[in-house]
Amino acid sequence: MNATAQPAAPSRIIANFEDIKARVGDMFQVQISTDKQEIRHSVKLLGYLAGKTIMITAPTVNNSVMLLREGQNLMVRAFSGTAAYAFPSEIIKVCNSPLPYLHLSYPKVTQKVPIRASARINFDLIGVSSNITHGENETTTPISITDISTTGAAIAASSPLGKKDDLLRIAFRAKVHDIVVHPSLKCVIRSLTSTDDEVNPIKYGLQFLDVPTSDLLALQSLVYQKILENK
């Protein structure tokens, strides 16, 4: 298995908003047309009426509701199952009661980008690893996670972590939609190579094993969130 290989760019498909199969409470991302740095704000879906409007919570910055006006354009992004979706929209109503929320124009079409479950996405995460081939009480070693998917990862380390087919446990901290997650993942070393990196000269290709449902959901959300940020 080549842990460093990146998937080809997925093709875009024209779809409808209903294809997202969105549910009340699902997390969306919106990018306001006035954002100079292309900031994506996390919001929640409150509901929608097909062909009429989509209702979302108002985006916030530093725990303060953003000041928005009717007529502003934005880009909405979401993911569902094994696809990412994006569509342009317009704020048609700003509401402040019983909570700050927005009515958005209903999209005529939505772009859909299929995502393979094994798609590797580049990351720069810091974590720790321990070799559990002979038990769970081994000492931990700092690692750098360079890419990750729901089925495996590529990591780099400054000192040896083990040999091919050894079992590792890696743990790291990440933020998904403003929620901090701490996956702890059992995996097997499928490949190892040396690199020219003076800090972390050893790179490992890992395959995840027996991923708990909670950690699998965290991985899916982390990967899809990164994909949405890059669209």
Protein backbone atom coordinates (compact mmCIF):
# COMPACT_ATOMS: atom_id res chain seq x y z
CA MET A 1 0.00 0.00 0.00
CA ASN A 2 1.36 3.39 -0.95
CA ALA A 3 0.45 5.56 2.03
CA THR A 4 1.60 8.78 0.43
CA ALA A 5 -0.43 8.53 -2.79
CA GLN A 6 -3.16 11.14 -3.14
CA PRO A 7 -6.47 10.40 -4.89
CA ALA A 8 -7.31 12.01 -8.20
CA ALA A 9 -9.58 15.03 -7.94
CA PRO A 10 -13.18 13.76 -7.83
CA SER A 11 -15.57 14.88 -10.55
CA ARG A 12 -18.42 17.27 -9.81
CA ILE A 13 -22.02 16.22 -10.37
CA ILE A 14 -25.07 18.45 -10.65
CA ALA A 15 -27.57 17.49 -7.94
CA ASN A 16 -30.52 18.85 -5.99
CA PHE A 17 -30.56 20.07 -2.40
CA GLU A 18 -32.82 17.15 -1.47
CA ASP A 19 -30.01 14.77 -2.45
CA ILE A 20 -28.09 15.89 0.63
CA LYS A 21 -30.78 14.22 2.77
CA ALA A 22 -30.11 16.92 5.35
CA ARG A 23 -31.67 16.65 8.78
CA VAL A 24 -32.45 19.28 11.38
CA GLY A 25 -29.30 19.88 13.43
CA ASP A 26 -26.85 18.90 10.67
CA MET A 27 -23.74 21.05 10.45
CA PHE A 28 -23.24 23.20 7.37
CA GLN A 29 -20.50 25.65 6.50
CA VAL A 30 -21.16 29.08 5.02
CA GLN A 31 -18.76 31.54 3.45
CA ILE A 32 -20.04 35.12 3.41
CA SER A 33 -19.30 37.12 0.27
CA THR A 34 -17.63 39.86 2.35
CA ASP A 35 -15.13 37.47 3.98
CA LYS A 36 -11.78 38.68 2.66
CA GLN A 37 -9.95 35.59 3.93
CA GLU A 38 -12.51 33.06 2.68
CA ILE A 39 -13.47 32.11 6.24
CA ARG A 40 -15.91 29.22 6.61
CA HIS A 41 -18.38 29.58 9.47
CA SER A 42 -20.06 26.53 11.00
CA VAL A 43 -23.86 26.74 11.30
CA LYS A 44 -26.72 24.33 11.98
CA LEU A 45 -29.63 23.49 9.73
CA LEU A 46 -32.94 24.45 11.35
CA GLY A 47 -35.13 23.26 8.49
CA TYR A 48 -36.14 23.91 4.90
CA LEU A 49 -39.16 24.13 2.61
CA ALA A 50 -38.40 22.64 -0.80
CA GLY A 51 -38.28 25.28 -3.50
CA LYS A 52 -38.76 28.13 -1.01
CA THR A 53 -36.17 28.59 1.73
CA ILE A 54 -33.44 27.04 3.90
CA MET A 55 -33.20 28.07 7.55
CA ILE A 56 -29.85 28.03 9.36
CA THR A 57 -28.50 29.43 12.61
CA ALA A 58 -26.72 32.77 12.22
CA PRO A 59 -22.92 32.40 12.02
CA THR A 60 -20.86 33.72 14.92
CA VAL A 61 -17.37 35.13 15.39
CA ASN A 62 -15.77 35.01 18.84
CA ASN A 63 -19.16 33.98 20.28
CA SER A 64 -20.84 37.08 18.81
CA VAL A 65 -23.49 36.87 16.10
CA MET A 66 -22.29 38.27 12.77
CA LEU A 67 -24.04 41.39 11.50
CA LEU A 68 -25.52 40.40 8.17
CA ARG A 69 -28.01 42.01 5.82
CA GLU A 70 -30.65 40.73 3.50
CA GLY A 71 -29.42 40.35 -0.07
CA GLN A 72 -25.90 39.23 0.89
CA ASN A 73 -24.54 36.32 -1.14
CA LEU A 74 -22.88 33.31 0.41
CA MET A 75 -21.64 29.84 -0.43
CA VAL A 76 -23.07 26.92 1.52
CA ARG A 77 -21.21 23.62 1.94
CA ALA A 78 -22.30 20.35 3.47
CA PHE A 79 -21.45 16.67 3.45
CA SER A 80 -23.62 13.61 3.61
CA GLY A 81 -22.69 9.95 3.36
CA THR A 82 -19.84 9.77 0.86
CA ALA A 83 -20.25 13.11 -0.91
CA ALA A 84 -19.59 16.81 -0.36
CA TYR A 85 -22.10 19.39 -1.59
CA ALA A 86 -21.85 23.11 -2.35
CA PHE A 87 -24.26 25.73 -3.66
CA PRO A 88 -24.51 29.53 -3.84
CA SER A 89 -27.33 31.21 -1.97
CA GLU A 90 -28.61 34.58 -0.78
CA ILE A 91 -29.84 35.82 2.59
CA ILE A 92 -33.51 36.61 2.09
CA LYS A 93 -34.41 37.25 5.73
CA VAL A 94 -32.44 37.99 8.92
CA CYS A 95 -34.33 36.94 12.06
CA ASN A 96 -33.43 37.53 15.71
CA SER A 97 -36.28 35.81 17.56
CA PRO A 98 -36.57 33.35 19.18
CA LEU A 99 -32.88 33.01 18.26
CA PRO A 100 -30.63 34.54 15.60
CA TYR A 101 -31.22 32.67 12.34
CA LEU A 102 -31.29 33.21 8.59
CA HIS A 103 -33.64 32.38 5.77
CA LEU A 104 -31.63 31.54 2.65
CA SER A 105 -32.79 31.33 -0.94
CA TYR A 106 -33.41 27.77 -2.05
CA PRO A 107 -30.78 26.57 -4.58
CA LYS A 108 -31.85 25.62 -8.07
CA VAL A 109 -28.91 23.24 -8.38
CA THR A 110 -26.25 21.86 -6.07
CA GLN A 111 -22.75 20.63 -6.89
CA LYS A 112 -21.99 17.15 -5.61
CA VAL A 113 -18.46 15.76 -5.28
CA PRO A 114 -18.27 12.01 -4.50
CA ILE A 115 -15.69 11.11 -1.88
CA ARG A 116 -14.15 7.67 -1.61
CA ALA A 117 -14.12 6.34 1.94
CA SER A 118 -10.37 5.71 1.55
CA ALA A 119 -9.57 9.18 0.22
CA ARG A 120 -6.46 10.53 1.94
CA ILE A 121 -6.52 14.20 2.89
CA ASN A 122 -3.42 16.20 3.80
CA PHE A 123 -3.21 17.25 7.44
CA ASP A 124 -0.66 18.66 9.83
CA LEU A 125 -1.62 17.10 13.15
CA ILE A 126 0.52 16.34 16.18
CA GLY A 127 -0.10 13.16 18.12
CA VAL A 128 1.53 10.26 19.96
CA SER A 129 2.08 6.62 19.10
CA SER A 130 2.81 3.50 21.10
CA ASN A 131 3.77 0.04 19.86
CA ILE A 132 1.14 -2.38 21.25
CA THR A 133 2.38 -5.55 19.56
CA HIS A 134 3.31 -6.94 22.97
CA GLY A 135 0.77 -5.07 25.09
CA GLU A 136 -0.95 -1.72 25.64
CA ASN A 137 1.48 -0.34 28.23
CA GLU A 138 4.31 0.71 25.93
CA THR A 139 5.76 4.23 26.13
CA THR A 140 4.49 6.87 23.71
CA THR A 141 6.47 8.66 20.99
CA PRO A 142 5.53 12.02 19.42
CA ILE A 143 4.38 11.77 15.79
CA SER A 144 3.31 14.06 12.98
CA ILE A 145 0.21 12.98 11.03
CA THR A 146 0.65 14.10 7.41
CA ASP A 147 -2.48 12.61 5.87
CA ILE A 148 -5.46 10.66 7.12
CA SER A 149 -8.62 8.92 5.92
CA THR A 150 -11.26 6.75 7.54
CA THR A 151 -9.17 3.65 6.77
CA GLY A 152 -5.59 4.69 7.44
CA ALA A 153 -2.97 7.40 7.77
CA ALA A 154 0.59 8.43 6.98
CA ILE A 155 2.66 9.52 9.95
CA ALA A 156 6.25 10.63 10.50
CA ALA A 157 8.43 10.24 13.57
CA SER A 158 11.88 11.17 14.78
CA SER A 159 12.63 7.68 16.13
CA PRO A 160 11.60 4.13 15.14
CA LEU A 161 8.05 3.10 16.07
CA GLY A 162 8.23 -0.51 14.98
CA LYS A 163 8.62 -2.78 11.99
CA LYS A 164 6.22 -3.77 9.22
CA ASP A 165 3.10 -5.58 10.55
CA ASP A 166 3.64 -4.29 14.10
CA LEU A 167 0.54 -2.97 15.87
CA LEU A 168 0.46 0.66 16.95
CA ARG A 169 -2.00 2.88 18.78
CA ILE A 170 -2.02 6.50 17.71
CA ALA A 171 -3.86 9.29 19.51
CA PHE A 172 -4.32 12.94 18.61
CA ARG A 173 -6.48 15.97 19.27
CA ALA A 174 -8.50 17.77 16.57
CA LYS A 175 -11.42 20.16 16.28
CA VAL A 176 -14.52 19.21 14.29
CA HIS A 177 -17.17 21.93 13.94
CA ASP A 178 -15.92 23.62 17.13
CA ILE A 179 -16.01 20.31 19.03
CA VAL A 180 -12.70 18.88 20.24
CA VAL A 181 -12.27 15.15 19.55
CA HIS A 182 -9.57 12.78 20.81
CA PRO A 183 -9.44 9.67 18.57
CA SER A 184 -7.37 6.74 19.84
CA LEU A 185 -6.85 4.34 16.95
CA LYS A 186 -5.43 0.84 16.72
CA CYS A 187 -3.50 0.31 13.49
CA VAL A 188 -0.96 -1.87 11.74
CA ILE A 189 2.22 -0.71 10.01
CA ARG A 190 1.90 -1.50 6.30
CA SER A 191 4.97 0.38 5.05
CA LEU A 192 7.90 2.43 6.32
CA THR A 193 10.37 4.61 4.46
CA SER A 194 13.14 7.05 5.27
CA THR A 195 12.87 10.70 4.23
CA ASP A 196 15.10 13.77 3.99
CA ASP A 197 13.20 15.46 6.83
CA GLU A 198 15.73 16.16 9.59
CA VAL A 199 13.03 16.43 12.29
CA ASN A 200 10.96 13.35 11.42
CA PRO A 201 13.08 11.18 9.10
CA ILE A 202 10.93 8.01 9.27
CA LYS A 203 7.53 7.80 7.56
CA TYR A 204 4.96 5.08 8.17
CA GLY A 205 1.88 3.97 6.23
CA LEU A 206 -0.80 2.75 8.63
CA GLN A 207 -4.05 0.83 8.25
CA PHE A 208 -6.68 1.30 10.96
CA LEU A 209 -8.10 -1.77 12.70
CA ASP A 210 -11.40 -2.23 14.59
CA VAL A 211 -12.22 1.48 14.67
CA PRO A 212 -14.94 2.23 17.28
CA THR A 213 -18.07 3.89 15.90
CA SER A 214 -17.43 7.13 17.80
CA ASP A 215 -13.89 7.42 16.41
CA LEU A 216 -15.08 6.49 12.89
CA LEU A 217 -17.65 9.29 12.99
CA ALA A 218 -14.97 11.70 14.22
CA LEU A 219 -12.66 10.65 11.36
CA GLN A 220 -15.43 11.04 8.78
CA SER A 221 -16.33 14.49 10.09
CA LEU A 222 -12.67 15.55 10.22
CA VAL A 223 -11.96 14.41 6.65
CA TYR A 224 -15.17 15.85 5.19
CA GLN A 225 -14.69 19.14 7.04
CA LYS A 226 -11.21 19.47 5.50
CA ILE A 227 -12.61 18.68 2.05
CA LEU A 228 -15.28 21.36 2.45
CA GLU A 229 -12.68 23.89 3.60
CA ASN A 230 -10.67 23.24 0.44
CA LYS A 231 -13.58 23.58 -2.02
